[in-house]
Amino acid sequence: MATNKKKIFITESMSEPGRALLKERDDIEIVEFPNMISASDFEAMLKAQAPVHGVALGATRFGEPELEASKEMTVVTRIGVGYDAVDVPALSRRRIPLMVAGTANSPSVAEQALFMMLTLAKRAVEMHCIVKDGKWGHRLGMLPYDLYGKTVLIIGFGRIGTRTAKRCLAMEMQVLVYDPYKTAADIAAAGCEVAADLDAALPRADFVSIHCPKTPETVGMFNVARLHRMKPSAYLINTARGGIVDEAALHDALVAGQLAGAGLDVFEQEPPPSGHPLFALPNVIMAPHVAGVTREAVDRMSEQTARNILSALDGDPIRHNVINQDVLG
């Protein structure tokens, strides 16, 4: 191997479009690692392969120990958009960009959010069981609901929240948006209503769909008090990150009839422990953190991740995909 090659660690979950872009370059050596590798094994692997110049992460944590082990890290990328498992300040101190996959998976997550709204409102699981269990005569005792004319409150108006809003508007819903970091003009231009006060907006919503990042500000955002502000007929959808919703409080609210139901793609602990109390509730639908991991999205994210890596190695990182903009000149 030529000594001037750049060594890039890629998780085994990176699909062929991304790999192909990296393989086209004769100045790059690819090293694969398991997506669910332990922190200690990952650090040891980095040390054994050092110097390592770039990494494409799935769910693996990354911070100061990994930076130290890699010796010459130039760019850290996520095959996705969430980065709560990455120590961003540690990267910034070394002027290393953290790059994400931009809009690559946002259509998929927005579709999943709408799917969960429809599944809950149309009582899809119950209707399936009525037919399968020979209880046809019970169908009029559990009528489904329309999205038409209902109010949805979208929390976070970034890449995914904006797309979710478009889909809800197409269903002829009234769309409220809570995002203190977006201007009222931007929200209004998208055909939505600004919800300046989250607590005041919650009693108006028939559906609440969470699309904000997990930060110290948003952890526990939906706690006992916030859940109590929602209508008893309302549904809560979380396709963002576990920990934004207090799961114990959600369970209690659902059991007490303070909420009609919930759709969860993410959990405080992933995978959630066997026998989790939410598993037993008939008005909860769940998915294993795959909202943004469709066949098409994985290809789009992998390709964008490869382009992010190459742009950084070539000294001109794609600016709008860089999270820690302070490292850019």
C-alpha atoms as a PDB file:
ATOM      1  CA  MET A   1       0.000   0.000   0.000  1.00  0.00           C
ATOM      2  CA  ALA A   2       1.297   3.428  -0.909  1.00  0.00           C
ATOM      3  CA  THR A   3       2.117   5.507   2.132  1.00  0.00           C
ATOM      4  CA  ASN A   4       0.160   8.496   0.845  1.00  0.00           C
ATOM      5  CA  LYS A   5      -3.164   6.643   0.882  1.00  0.00           C
ATOM      6  CA  LYS A   6      -5.884   7.911   3.202  1.00  0.00           C
ATOM      7  CA  LYS A   7      -7.401   5.250   5.430  1.00  0.00           C
ATOM      8  CA  ILE A   8     -11.189   5.495   5.776  1.00  0.00           C
ATOM      9  CA  PHE A   9     -13.193   3.461   8.300  1.00  0.00           C
ATOM     10  CA  ILE A  10     -16.695   2.651   7.057  1.00  0.00           C
ATOM     11  CA  THR A  11     -19.420   0.801   8.908  1.00  0.00           C
ATOM     12  CA  GLU A  12     -20.672  -2.396   7.303  1.00  0.00           C
ATOM     13  CA  SER A  13     -24.096  -0.743   6.883  1.00  0.00           C
ATOM     14  CA  MET A  14     -22.790   1.583   4.168  1.00  0.00           C
ATOM     15  CA  SER A  15     -24.424   0.444   0.931  1.00  0.00           C
ATOM     16  CA  GLU A  16     -22.883   0.000  -2.512  1.00  0.00           C
ATOM     17  CA  PRO A  17     -23.447   3.511  -3.989  1.00  0.00           C
ATOM     18  CA  GLY A  18     -21.268   5.030  -1.255  1.00  0.00           C
ATOM     19  CA  ARG A  19     -18.654   2.305  -1.422  1.00  0.00           C
ATOM     20  CA  ALA A  20     -18.417   2.651  -5.187  1.00  0.00           C
ATOM     21  CA  LEU A  21     -17.601   6.360  -4.942  1.00  0.00           C
ATOM     22  CA  LEU A  22     -14.818   5.688  -2.443  1.00  0.00           C
ATOM     23  CA  LYS A  23     -13.435   2.760  -4.442  1.00  0.00           C
ATOM     24  CA  GLU A  24     -13.076   4.963  -7.516  1.00  0.00           C
ATOM     25  CA  ARG A  25     -10.276   6.795  -5.748  1.00  0.00           C
ATOM     26  CA  ASP A  26      -6.846   5.167  -5.826  1.00  0.00           C
ATOM     27  CA  ASP A  27      -5.689   7.347  -2.916  1.00  0.00           C
ATOM     28  CA  ILE A  28      -8.125   5.780  -0.436  1.00  0.00           C
ATOM     29  CA  GLU A  29      -7.987   2.541   1.548  1.00  0.00           C
ATOM     30  CA  ILE A  30     -11.296   1.309   2.997  1.00  0.00           C
ATOM     31  CA  VAL A  31     -11.485  -0.542   6.318  1.00  0.00           C
ATOM     32  CA  GLU A  32     -14.849  -1.953   7.430  1.00  0.00           C
ATOM     33  CA  PHE A  33     -16.087  -2.234  11.010  1.00  0.00           C
ATOM     34  CA  PRO A  34     -19.314  -3.661  12.537  1.00  0.00           C
ATOM     35  CA  ASN A  35     -22.151  -1.191  13.020  1.00  0.00           C
ATOM     36  CA  MET A  36     -22.770  -2.383  16.594  1.00  0.00           C
ATOM     37  CA  ILE A  37     -19.100  -2.603  17.660  1.00  0.00           C
ATOM     38  CA  SER A  38     -18.354  -1.912  21.332  1.00  0.00           C
ATOM     39  CA  ALA A  39     -16.559   1.302  22.280  1.00  0.00           C
ATOM     40  CA  SER A  40     -13.515  -0.582  23.540  1.00  0.00           C
ATOM     41  CA  ASP A  41     -13.252  -2.748  20.421  1.00  0.00           C
ATOM     42  CA  PHE A  42     -13.676   0.268  18.149  1.00  0.00           C
ATOM     43  CA  GLU A  43     -10.969   2.198  19.955  1.00  0.00           C
ATOM     44  CA  ALA A  44      -8.639  -0.795  19.761  1.00  0.00           C
ATOM     45  CA  MET A  45      -9.339  -1.190  16.060  1.00  0.00           C
ATOM     46  CA  LEU A  46      -8.563   2.472  15.420  1.00  0.00           C
ATOM     47  CA  LYS A  47      -5.285   2.168  17.319  1.00  0.00           C
ATOM     48  CA  ALA A  48      -4.303  -0.939  15.384  1.00  0.00           C
ATOM     49  CA  GLN A  49      -5.047   0.703  12.036  1.00  0.00           C
ATOM     50  CA  ALA A  50      -3.744   4.210  12.815  1.00  0.00           C
ATOM     51  CA  PRO A  51      -3.326   6.610  11.230  1.00  0.00           C
ATOM     52  CA  VAL A  52      -7.000   6.777  10.217  1.00  0.00           C
ATOM     53  CA  HIS A  53      -8.103   9.850   8.267  1.00  0.00           C
ATOM     54  CA  GLY A  54     -11.883   9.539   8.016  1.00  0.00           C
ATOM     55  CA  VAL A  55     -14.789   7.577   9.432  1.00  0.00           C
ATOM     56  CA  ALA A  56     -18.360   6.865   8.305  1.00  0.00           C
ATOM     57  CA  LEU A  57     -20.388   6.051  11.412  1.00  0.00           C
ATOM     58  CA  GLY A  58     -23.625   4.192  11.899  1.00  0.00           C
ATOM     59  CA  ALA A  59     -24.643   3.938  15.548  1.00  0.00           C
ATOM     60  CA  THR A  60     -21.084   3.880  16.937  1.00  0.00           C
ATOM     61  CA  ARG A  61     -20.149   6.503  19.525  1.00  0.00           C
ATOM     62  CA  PHE A  62     -17.256   8.794  18.697  1.00  0.00           C
ATOM     63  CA  GLY A  63     -15.355  11.264  20.840  1.00  0.00           C
ATOM     64  CA  GLU A  64     -12.017  12.118  22.407  1.00  0.00           C
ATOM     65  CA  PRO A  65     -10.748   8.516  22.915  1.00  0.00           C
ATOM     66  CA  GLU A  66     -11.464   7.664  19.278  1.00  0.00           C
ATOM     67  CA  LEU A  67      -9.851  10.865  18.025  1.00  0.00           C
ATOM     68  CA  GLU A  68      -6.740  10.104  20.039  1.00  0.00           C
ATOM     69  CA  ALA A  69      -6.634   6.520  18.789  1.00  0.00           C
ATOM     70  CA  SER A  70      -6.982   7.453  15.119  1.00  0.00           C
ATOM     71  CA  LYS A  71      -4.043   9.921  15.234  1.00  0.00           C
ATOM     72  CA  GLU A  72      -4.751  11.805  11.982  1.00  0.00           C
ATOM     73  CA  MET A  73      -8.544  12.098  11.750  1.00  0.00           C
ATOM     74  CA  THR A  74      -9.583  14.613   9.093  1.00  0.00           C
ATOM     75  CA  VAL A  75     -13.359  14.129   8.882  1.00  0.00           C
ATOM     76  CA  VAL A  76     -16.086  12.364  10.868  1.00  0.00           C
ATOM     77  CA  THR A  77     -19.325  11.561   9.044  1.00  0.00           C
ATOM     78  CA  ARG A  78     -22.654  10.017   9.969  1.00  0.00           C
ATOM     79  CA  ILE A  79     -24.623   7.788   7.598  1.00  0.00           C
ATOM     80  CA  GLY A  80     -27.680   9.672   8.775  1.00  0.00           C
ATOM     81  CA  VAL A  81     -28.516  13.042  10.297  1.00  0.00           C
ATOM     82  CA  GLY A  82     -28.549  12.452  14.064  1.00  0.00           C
ATOM     83  CA  TYR A  83     -25.307  13.056  15.910  1.00  0.00           C
ATOM     84  CA  ASP A  84     -26.089  12.751  19.621  1.00  0.00           C
ATOM     85  CA  ALA A  85     -23.547   9.899  19.858  1.00  0.00           C
ATOM     86  CA  VAL A  86     -20.735  12.163  18.616  1.00  0.00           C
ATOM     87  CA  ASP A  87     -18.771  14.519  20.876  1.00  0.00           C
ATOM     88  CA  VAL A  88     -19.001  17.612  18.673  1.00  0.00           C
ATOM     89  CA  PRO A  89     -16.947  19.925  20.946  1.00  0.00           C
ATOM     90  CA  ALA A  90     -14.106  17.385  20.894  1.00  0.00           C
ATOM     91  CA  LEU A  91     -14.090  17.506  17.093  1.00  0.00           C
ATOM     92  CA  SER A  92     -14.272  21.290  17.049  1.00  0.00           C
ATOM     93  CA  ARG A  93     -11.286  21.606  19.382  1.00  0.00           C
ATOM     94  CA  ARG A  94      -9.241  19.767  16.735  1.00  0.00           C
ATOM     95  CA  ARG A  95     -10.937  21.612  13.854  1.00  0.00           C
ATOM     96  CA  ILE A  96     -12.357  18.379  12.458  1.00  0.00           C
ATOM     97  CA  PRO A  97     -15.713  18.699  10.667  1.00  0.00           C
ATOM     98  CA  LEU A  98     -18.651  16.522  11.634  1.00  0.00           C
ATOM     99  CA  MET A  99     -20.720  15.945   8.523  1.00  0.00           C
ATOM    100  CA  VAL A 100     -24.199  14.452   8.145  1.00  0.00           C
ATOM    101  CA  ALA A 101     -26.202  13.146   5.206  1.00  0.00           C
ATOM    102  CA  GLY A 102     -28.268  16.290   4.683  1.00  0.00           C
ATOM    103  CA  THR A 103     -31.705  15.639   3.216  1.00  0.00           C
ATOM    104  CA  ALA A 104     -30.947  12.047   2.173  1.00  0.00           C
ATOM    105  CA  ASN A 105     -33.315  10.356   4.642  1.00  0.00           C
ATOM    106  CA  SER A 106     -35.764  13.162   5.363  1.00  0.00           C
ATOM    107  CA  PRO A 107     -38.474  11.995   2.907  1.00  0.00           C
ATOM    108  CA  SER A 108     -38.382   8.541   4.499  1.00  0.00           C
ATOM    109  CA  VAL A 109     -38.780   9.831   8.073  1.00  0.00           C
ATOM    110  CA  ALA A 110     -41.566  12.182   7.019  1.00  0.00           C
ATOM    111  CA  GLU A 111     -43.380   9.264   5.367  1.00  0.00           C
ATOM    112  CA  GLN A 112     -42.988   7.180   8.535  1.00  0.00           C
ATOM    113  CA  ALA A 113     -44.440   9.978  10.663  1.00  0.00           C
ATOM    114  CA  LEU A 114     -47.459  10.243   8.366  1.00  0.00           C
ATOM    115  CA  PHE A 115     -47.764   6.442   8.259  1.00  0.00           C
ATOM    116  CA  MET A 116     -47.902   6.323  12.058  1.00  0.00           C
ATOM    117  CA  MET A 117     -50.548   9.065  12.146  1.00  0.00           C
ATOM    118  CA  LEU A 118     -52.660   7.164   9.636  1.00  0.00           C
ATOM    119  CA  THR A 119     -52.117   3.783  11.295  1.00  0.00           C
ATOM    120  CA  LEU A 120     -53.300   5.148  14.629  1.00  0.00           C
ATOM    121  CA  ALA A 121     -56.169   7.263  13.309  1.00  0.00           C
ATOM    122  CA  LYS A 122     -57.475   4.513  11.024  1.00  0.00           C
ATOM    123  CA  ARG A 123     -57.050   1.954  13.847  1.00  0.00           C
ATOM    124  CA  ALA A 124     -55.251  -0.294  11.398  1.00  0.00           C
ATOM    125  CA  VAL A 125     -54.093  -2.894  13.939  1.00  0.00           C
ATOM    126  CA  GLU A 126     -57.581  -3.240  15.433  1.00  0.00           C
ATOM    127  CA  MET A 127     -59.268  -3.443  12.014  1.00  0.00           C
ATOM    128  CA  HIS A 128     -56.826  -6.149  10.949  1.00  0.00           C
ATOM    129  CA  CYS A 129     -57.647  -8.148  14.071  1.00  0.00           C
ATOM    130  CA  ILE A 130     -61.404  -7.752  13.580  1.00  0.00           C
ATOM    131  CA  VAL A 131     -61.188  -9.435  10.181  1.00  0.00           C
ATOM    132  CA  LYS A 132     -58.598 -12.046  11.204  1.00  0.00           C
ATOM    133  CA  ASP A 133     -60.396 -13.002  14.444  1.00  0.00           C
ATOM    134  CA  GLY A 134     -63.856 -13.264  12.877  1.00  0.00           C
ATOM    135  CA  LYS A 135     -65.295 -10.284  14.751  1.00  0.00           C
ATOM    136  CA  TRP A 136     -66.753  -8.495  11.734  1.00  0.00           C
ATOM    137  CA  GLY A 137     -69.820  -7.450  13.668  1.00  0.00           C
ATOM    138  CA  HIS A 138     -67.661  -5.390  16.048  1.00  0.00           C
ATOM    139  CA  ARG A 139     -66.396  -3.039  13.346  1.00  0.00           C
ATOM    140  CA  LEU A 140     -68.868  -0.236  13.999  1.00  0.00           C
ATOM    141  CA  GLY A 141     -67.947  -0.176  17.672  1.00  0.00           C
ATOM    142  CA  MET A 142     -64.447   1.172  17.015  1.00  0.00           C
ATOM    143  CA  LEU A 143     -64.756   3.647  14.181  1.00  0.00           C
ATOM    144  CA  PRO A 144     -61.553   5.135  12.751  1.00  0.00           C
ATOM    145  CA  TYR A 145     -60.795   8.833  12.366  1.00  0.00           C
ATOM    146  CA  ASP A 146     -59.902  11.137   9.485  1.00  0.00           C
ATOM    147  CA  LEU A 147     -56.766  13.230   9.247  1.00  0.00           C
ATOM    148  CA  TYR A 148     -58.807  15.643   7.144  1.00  0.00           C
ATOM    149  CA  GLY A 149     -59.588  18.784   9.120  1.00  0.00           C
ATOM    150  CA  LYS A 150     -57.437  17.786  12.076  1.00  0.00           C
ATOM    151  CA  THR A 151     -54.658  19.900  13.601  1.00  0.00           C
ATOM    152  CA  VAL A 152     -51.088  18.614  13.741  1.00  0.00           C
ATOM    153  CA  LEU A 153     -48.362  20.267  15.796  1.00  0.00           C
ATOM    154  CA  ILE A 154     -44.900  19.710  14.330  1.00  0.00           C
ATOM    155  CA  ILE A 155     -41.981  20.089  16.743  1.00  0.00           C
ATOM    156  CA  GLY A 156     -38.899  21.145  14.776  1.00  0.00           C
ATOM    157  CA  PHE A 157     -39.024  22.601  11.270  1.00  0.00           C
ATOM    158  CA  GLY A 158     -35.768  21.382   9.768  1.00  0.00           C
ATOM    159  CA  ARG A 159     -35.196  18.952   6.911  1.00  0.00           C
ATOM    160  CA  ILE A 160     -37.700  16.400   8.212  1.00  0.00           C
ATOM    161  CA  GLY A 161     -40.234  18.665   9.878  1.00  0.00           C
ATOM    162  CA  THR A 162     -40.708  20.721   6.723  1.00  0.00           C
ATOM    163  CA  ARG A 163     -41.341  17.591   4.666  1.00  0.00           C
ATOM    164  CA  THR A 164     -43.758  16.230   7.260  1.00  0.00           C
ATOM    165  CA  ALA A 165     -45.630  19.530   7.109  1.00  0.00           C
ATOM    166  CA  LYS A 166     -45.993  19.254   3.315  1.00  0.00           C
ATOM    167  CA  ARG A 167     -47.481  15.794   3.643  1.00  0.00           C
ATOM    168  CA  CYS A 168     -49.894  16.895   6.359  1.00  0.00           C
ATOM    169  CA  LEU A 169     -50.999  19.884   4.299  1.00  0.00           C
ATOM    170  CA  ALA A 170     -51.677  17.486   1.413  1.00  0.00           C
ATOM    171  CA  MET A 171     -53.990  15.576   3.774  1.00  0.00           C
ATOM    172  CA  GLU A 172     -55.851  18.889   4.317  1.00  0.00           C
ATOM    173  CA  MET A 173     -54.770  19.215   7.918  1.00  0.00           C
ATOM    174  CA  GLN A 174     -54.099  22.450   9.773  1.00  0.00           C
ATOM    175  CA  VAL A 175     -50.370  22.525  10.524  1.00  0.00           C
ATOM    176  CA  LEU A 176     -48.910  24.296  13.561  1.00  0.00           C
ATOM    177  CA  VAL A 177     -45.140  24.544  13.891  1.00  0.00           C
ATOM    178  CA  TYR A 178     -43.086  25.003  17.036  1.00  0.00           C
ATOM    179  CA  ASP A 179     -39.449  25.821  16.329  1.00  0.00           C
ATOM    180  CA  PRO A 180     -37.883  28.741  18.216  1.00  0.00           C
ATOM    181  CA  TYR A 181     -34.945  28.732  15.784  1.00  0.00           C
ATOM    182  CA  LYS A 182     -37.033  29.351  12.651  1.00  0.00           C
ATOM    183  CA  THR A 183     -38.486  32.701  11.661  1.00  0.00           C
ATOM    184  CA  ALA A 184     -42.214  33.246  11.628  1.00  0.00           C
ATOM    185  CA  ALA A 185     -41.877  34.284   7.982  1.00  0.00           C
ATOM    186  CA  ASP A 186     -40.311  30.945   6.991  1.00  0.00           C
ATOM    187  CA  ILE A 187     -43.041  28.977   8.742  1.00  0.00           C
ATOM    188  CA  ALA A 188     -45.827  31.101   7.274  1.00  0.00           C
ATOM    189  CA  ALA A 189     -44.298  30.851   3.793  1.00  0.00           C
ATOM    190  CA  ALA A 190     -44.659  27.074   4.039  1.00  0.00           C
ATOM    191  CA  GLY A 191     -48.397  27.436   4.637  1.00  0.00           C
ATOM    192  CA  CYS A 192     -48.169  26.678   8.357  1.00  0.00           C
ATOM    193  CA  GLU A 193     -49.115  28.545  11.520  1.00  0.00           C
ATOM    194  CA  VAL A 194     -46.471  29.603  14.004  1.00  0.00           C
ATOM    195  CA  ALA A 195     -46.811  28.124  17.481  1.00  0.00           C
ATOM    196  CA  ALA A 196     -44.685  30.518  19.504  1.00  0.00           C
ATOM    197  CA  ASP A 197     -45.576  28.903  22.834  1.00  0.00           C
ATOM    198  CA  LEU A 198     -45.382  25.103  22.946  1.00  0.00           C
ATOM    199  CA  ASP A 199     -47.482  24.773  26.095  1.00  0.00           C
ATOM    200  CA  ALA A 200     -50.226  26.935  24.624  1.00  0.00           C
ATOM    201  CA  ALA A 201     -50.225  24.993  21.333  1.00  0.00           C
ATOM    202  CA  LEU A 202     -50.438  21.479  22.792  1.00  0.00           C
ATOM    203  CA  PRO A 203     -54.158  21.635  23.783  1.00  0.00           C
ATOM    204  CA  ARG A 204     -55.024  22.544  20.173  1.00  0.00           C
ATOM    205  CA  ALA A 205     -53.322  19.567  18.542  1.00  0.00           C
ATOM    206  CA  ASP A 206     -54.951  16.321  17.447  1.00  0.00           C
ATOM    207  CA  PHE A 207     -51.518  14.989  16.538  1.00  0.00           C
ATOM    208  CA  VAL A 208     -48.064  15.978  17.768  1.00  0.00           C
ATOM    209  CA  SER A 209     -45.122  14.894  15.610  1.00  0.00           C
ATOM    210  CA  ILE A 210     -41.585  15.310  16.980  1.00  0.00           C
ATOM    211  CA  HIS A 211     -38.776  16.215  14.558  1.00  0.00           C
ATOM    212  CA  CYS A 212     -36.238  18.104  16.673  1.00  0.00           C
ATOM    213  CA  PRO A 213     -32.700  16.957  17.527  1.00  0.00           C
ATOM    214  CA  LYS A 214     -31.865  15.451  20.890  1.00  0.00           C
ATOM    215  CA  THR A 215     -30.054  18.138  22.887  1.00  0.00           C
ATOM    216  CA  PRO A 216     -29.897  19.126  26.572  1.00  0.00           C
ATOM    217  CA  GLU A 217     -32.735  21.513  25.743  1.00  0.00           C
ATOM    218  CA  THR A 218     -35.024  18.826  24.298  1.00  0.00           C
ATOM    219  CA  VAL A 219     -34.311  15.840  26.581  1.00  0.00           C
ATOM    220  CA  GLY A 220     -37.488  15.226  28.571  1.00  0.00           C
ATOM    221  CA  MET A 221     -39.367  17.866  26.555  1.00  0.00           C
ATOM    222  CA  PHE A 222     -42.497  15.721  26.705  1.00  0.00           C
ATOM    223  CA  ASN A 223     -42.758  15.154  30.432  1.00  0.00           C
ATOM    224  CA  VAL A 224     -45.760  14.654  32.716  1.00  0.00           C
ATOM    225  CA  ALA A 225     -46.813  18.318  32.518  1.00  0.00           C
ATOM    226  CA  ARG A 226     -46.591  18.535  28.720  1.00  0.00           C
ATOM    227  CA  LEU A 227     -48.420  15.258  28.156  1.00  0.00           C
ATOM    228  CA  HIS A 228     -51.198  16.458  30.446  1.00  0.00           C
ATOM    229  CA  ARG A 229     -51.643  19.522  28.224  1.00  0.00           C
ATOM    230  CA  MET A 230     -52.517  17.357  25.239  1.00  0.00           C
ATOM    231  CA  LYS A 231     -56.099  16.405  24.376  1.00  0.00           C
ATOM    232  CA  PRO A 232     -57.306  12.985  25.572  1.00  0.00           C
ATOM    233  CA  SER A 233     -58.125  12.331  21.902  1.00  0.00           C
ATOM    234  CA  ALA A 234     -54.642  13.285  20.663  1.00  0.00           C
ATOM    235  CA  TYR A 235     -51.833  11.104  19.343  1.00  0.00           C
ATOM    236  CA  LEU A 236     -48.102  11.555  19.923  1.00  0.00           C
ATOM    237  CA  ILE A 237     -45.591  10.520  17.236  1.00  0.00           C
ATOM    238  CA  ASN A 238     -41.833  10.361  17.880  1.00  0.00           C
ATOM    239  CA  THR A 239     -39.544   9.556  14.934  1.00  0.00           C
ATOM    240  CA  ALA A 240     -36.750  11.821  16.215  1.00  0.00           C
ATOM    241  CA  ARG A 241     -34.749  10.471  19.163  1.00  0.00           C
ATOM    242  CA  GLY A 242     -35.442   8.522  22.325  1.00  0.00           C
ATOM    243  CA  GLY A 243     -35.302  10.591  25.495  1.00  0.00           C
ATOM    244  CA  ILE A 244     -37.242  13.544  24.109  1.00  0.00           C
ATOM    245  CA  VAL A 245     -40.351  11.787  25.436  1.00  0.00           C
ATOM    246  CA  ASP A 246     -40.422  10.581  29.051  1.00  0.00           C
ATOM    247  CA  GLU A 247     -41.531   6.981  28.451  1.00  0.00           C
ATOM    248  CA  ALA A 248     -42.768   6.370  31.990  1.00  0.00           C
ATOM    249  CA  ALA A 249     -44.899   9.517  31.831  1.00  0.00           C
ATOM    250  CA  LEU A 250     -46.175   8.503  28.378  1.00  0.00           C
ATOM    251  CA  HIS A 251     -47.163   5.070  29.650  1.00  0.00           C
ATOM    252  CA  ASP A 252     -49.051   6.558  32.585  1.00  0.00           C
ATOM    253  CA  ALA A 253     -50.844   9.070  30.340  1.00  0.00           C
ATOM    254  CA  LEU A 254     -51.916   6.344  27.916  1.00  0.00           C
ATOM    255  CA  VAL A 255     -53.126   4.041  30.676  1.00  0.00           C
ATOM    256  CA  ALA A 256     -55.065   6.887  32.303  1.00  0.00           C
ATOM    257  CA  GLY A 257     -56.770   7.825  29.036  1.00  0.00           C
ATOM    258  CA  GLN A 258     -55.056  11.215  28.898  1.00  0.00           C
ATOM    259  CA  LEU A 259     -53.852  10.369  25.367  1.00  0.00           C
ATOM    260  CA  ALA A 260     -55.489   8.335  22.612  1.00  0.00           C
ATOM    261  CA  GLY A 261     -52.295   6.672  21.420  1.00  0.00           C
ATOM    262  CA  ALA A 262     -48.670   6.946  20.425  1.00  0.00           C
ATOM    263  CA  GLY A 263     -46.346   5.956  17.593  1.00  0.00           C
ATOM    264  CA  LEU A 264     -42.688   5.407  18.517  1.00  0.00           C
ATOM    265  CA  ASP A 265     -39.744   4.672  16.242  1.00  0.00           C
ATOM    266  CA  VAL A 266     -37.191   5.576  18.932  1.00  0.00           C
ATOM    267  CA  PHE A 267     -36.671   4.748  22.605  1.00  0.00           C
ATOM    268  CA  GLU A 268     -34.741   5.931  25.650  1.00  0.00           C
ATOM    269  CA  GLN A 269     -32.819   2.638  25.587  1.00  0.00           C
ATOM    270  CA  GLU A 270     -32.273   0.932  22.252  1.00  0.00           C
ATOM    271  CA  PRO A 271     -33.205  -1.791  21.931  1.00  0.00           C
ATOM    272  CA  PRO A 272     -35.775  -1.341  24.708  1.00  0.00           C
ATOM    273  CA  PRO A 273     -35.650  -3.967  27.466  1.00  0.00           C
ATOM    274  CA  SER A 274     -37.798  -7.071  27.225  1.00  0.00           C
ATOM    275  CA  GLY A 275     -41.140  -6.553  28.912  1.00  0.00           C
ATOM    276  CA  HIS A 276     -41.103  -2.765  28.534  1.00  0.00           C
ATOM    277  CA  PRO A 277     -44.432  -1.458  29.907  1.00  0.00           C
ATOM    278  CA  LEU A 278     -45.331   0.229  26.612  1.00  0.00           C
ATOM    279  CA  PHE A 279     -45.281  -3.155  24.851  1.00  0.00           C
ATOM    280  CA  ALA A 280     -48.498  -4.202  26.584  1.00  0.00           C
ATOM    281  CA  LEU A 281     -50.580  -1.220  25.464  1.00  0.00           C
ATOM    282  CA  PRO A 282     -52.934  -1.730  22.498  1.00  0.00           C
ATOM    283  CA  ASN A 283     -52.860   1.955  21.520  1.00  0.00           C
ATOM    284  CA  VAL A 284     -49.096   2.090  20.919  1.00  0.00           C
ATOM    285  CA  ILE A 285     -47.417   1.212  17.628  1.00  0.00           C
ATOM    286  CA  MET A 286     -43.653   0.789  17.471  1.00  0.00           C
ATOM    287  CA  ALA A 287     -40.773   0.409  15.040  1.00  0.00           C
ATOM    288  CA  PRO A 288     -37.068  -0.367  15.710  1.00  0.00           C
ATOM    289  CA  HIS A 289     -35.538   3.041  14.829  1.00  0.00           C
ATOM    290  CA  VAL A 290     -35.871   2.492  11.083  1.00  0.00           C
ATOM    291  CA  ALA A 291     -37.904   5.524   9.984  1.00  0.00           C
ATOM    292  CA  GLY A 292     -34.970   6.875   7.997  1.00  0.00           C
ATOM    293  CA  VAL A 293     -33.600   3.498   6.953  1.00  0.00           C
ATOM    294  CA  THR A 294     -35.561   2.521   3.868  1.00  0.00           C
ATOM    295  CA  ARG A 295     -33.807   0.788   0.958  1.00  0.00           C
ATOM    296  CA  GLU A 296     -33.728   4.048  -0.976  1.00  0.00           C
ATOM    297  CA  ALA A 297     -32.687   6.188   1.971  1.00  0.00           C
ATOM    298  CA  VAL A 298     -29.747   3.930   2.831  1.00  0.00           C
ATOM    299  CA  ASP A 299     -28.449   4.301  -0.721  1.00  0.00           C
ATOM    300  CA  ARG A 300     -28.941   8.081  -0.675  1.00  0.00           C
ATOM    301  CA  MET A 301     -27.303   8.430   2.754  1.00  0.00           C
ATOM    302  CA  SER A 302     -24.359   6.223   1.819  1.00  0.00           C
ATOM    303  CA  GLU A 303     -23.704   8.139  -1.374  1.00  0.00           C
ATOM    304  CA  GLN A 304     -23.945  11.482   0.410  1.00  0.00           C
ATOM    305  CA  THR A 305     -21.653  10.237   3.177  1.00  0.00           C
ATOM    306  CA  ALA A 306     -19.025   9.241   0.622  1.00  0.00           C
ATOM    307  CA  ARG A 307     -19.291  12.644  -1.058  1.00  0.00           C
ATOM    308  CA  ASN A 308     -18.915  14.293   2.354  1.00  0.00           C
ATOM    309  CA  ILE A 309     -15.741  12.320   3.065  1.00  0.00           C
ATOM    310  CA  LEU A 310     -14.222  13.081  -0.325  1.00  0.00           C
ATOM    311  CA  SER A 311     -15.046  16.781  -0.093  1.00  0.00           C
ATOM    312  CA  ALA A 312     -13.311  17.037   3.291  1.00  0.00           C
ATOM    313  CA  LEU A 313     -10.266  15.055   2.179  1.00  0.00           C
ATOM    314  CA  ASP A 314      -9.992  17.342  -0.836  1.00  0.00           C
ATOM    315  CA  GLY A 315      -9.995  20.398   1.422  1.00  0.00           C
ATOM    316  CA  ASP A 316     -13.437  21.736   0.522  1.00  0.00           C
ATOM    317  CA  PRO A 317     -16.098  20.132   2.746  1.00  0.00           C
ATOM    318  CA  ILE A 318     -19.711  20.486   1.621  1.00  0.00           C
ATOM    319  CA  ARG A 319     -20.575  23.368   3.911  1.00  0.00           C
ATOM    320  CA  HIS A 320     -24.299  22.821   4.414  1.00  0.00           C
ATOM    321  CA  ASN A 321     -23.641  19.264   5.652  1.00  0.00           C
ATOM    322  CA  VAL A 322     -21.145  20.382   8.325  1.00  0.00           C
ATOM    323  CA  ILE A 323     -22.631  20.480  11.831  1.00  0.00           C
ATOM    324  CA  ASN A 324     -19.780  22.337  13.578  1.00  0.00           C
ATOM    325  CA  GLN A 325     -19.573  25.298  11.221  1.00  0.00           C
ATOM    326  CA  ASP A 326     -16.983  26.895  13.532  1.00  0.00           C
ATOM    327  CA  VAL A 327     -14.288  24.656  12.004  1.00  0.00           C
ATOM    328  CA  LEU A 328     -14.746  26.103   8.525  1.00  0.00           C
ATOM    329  CA  GLY A 329     -12.490  28.870   7.324  1.00  0.00           C
END
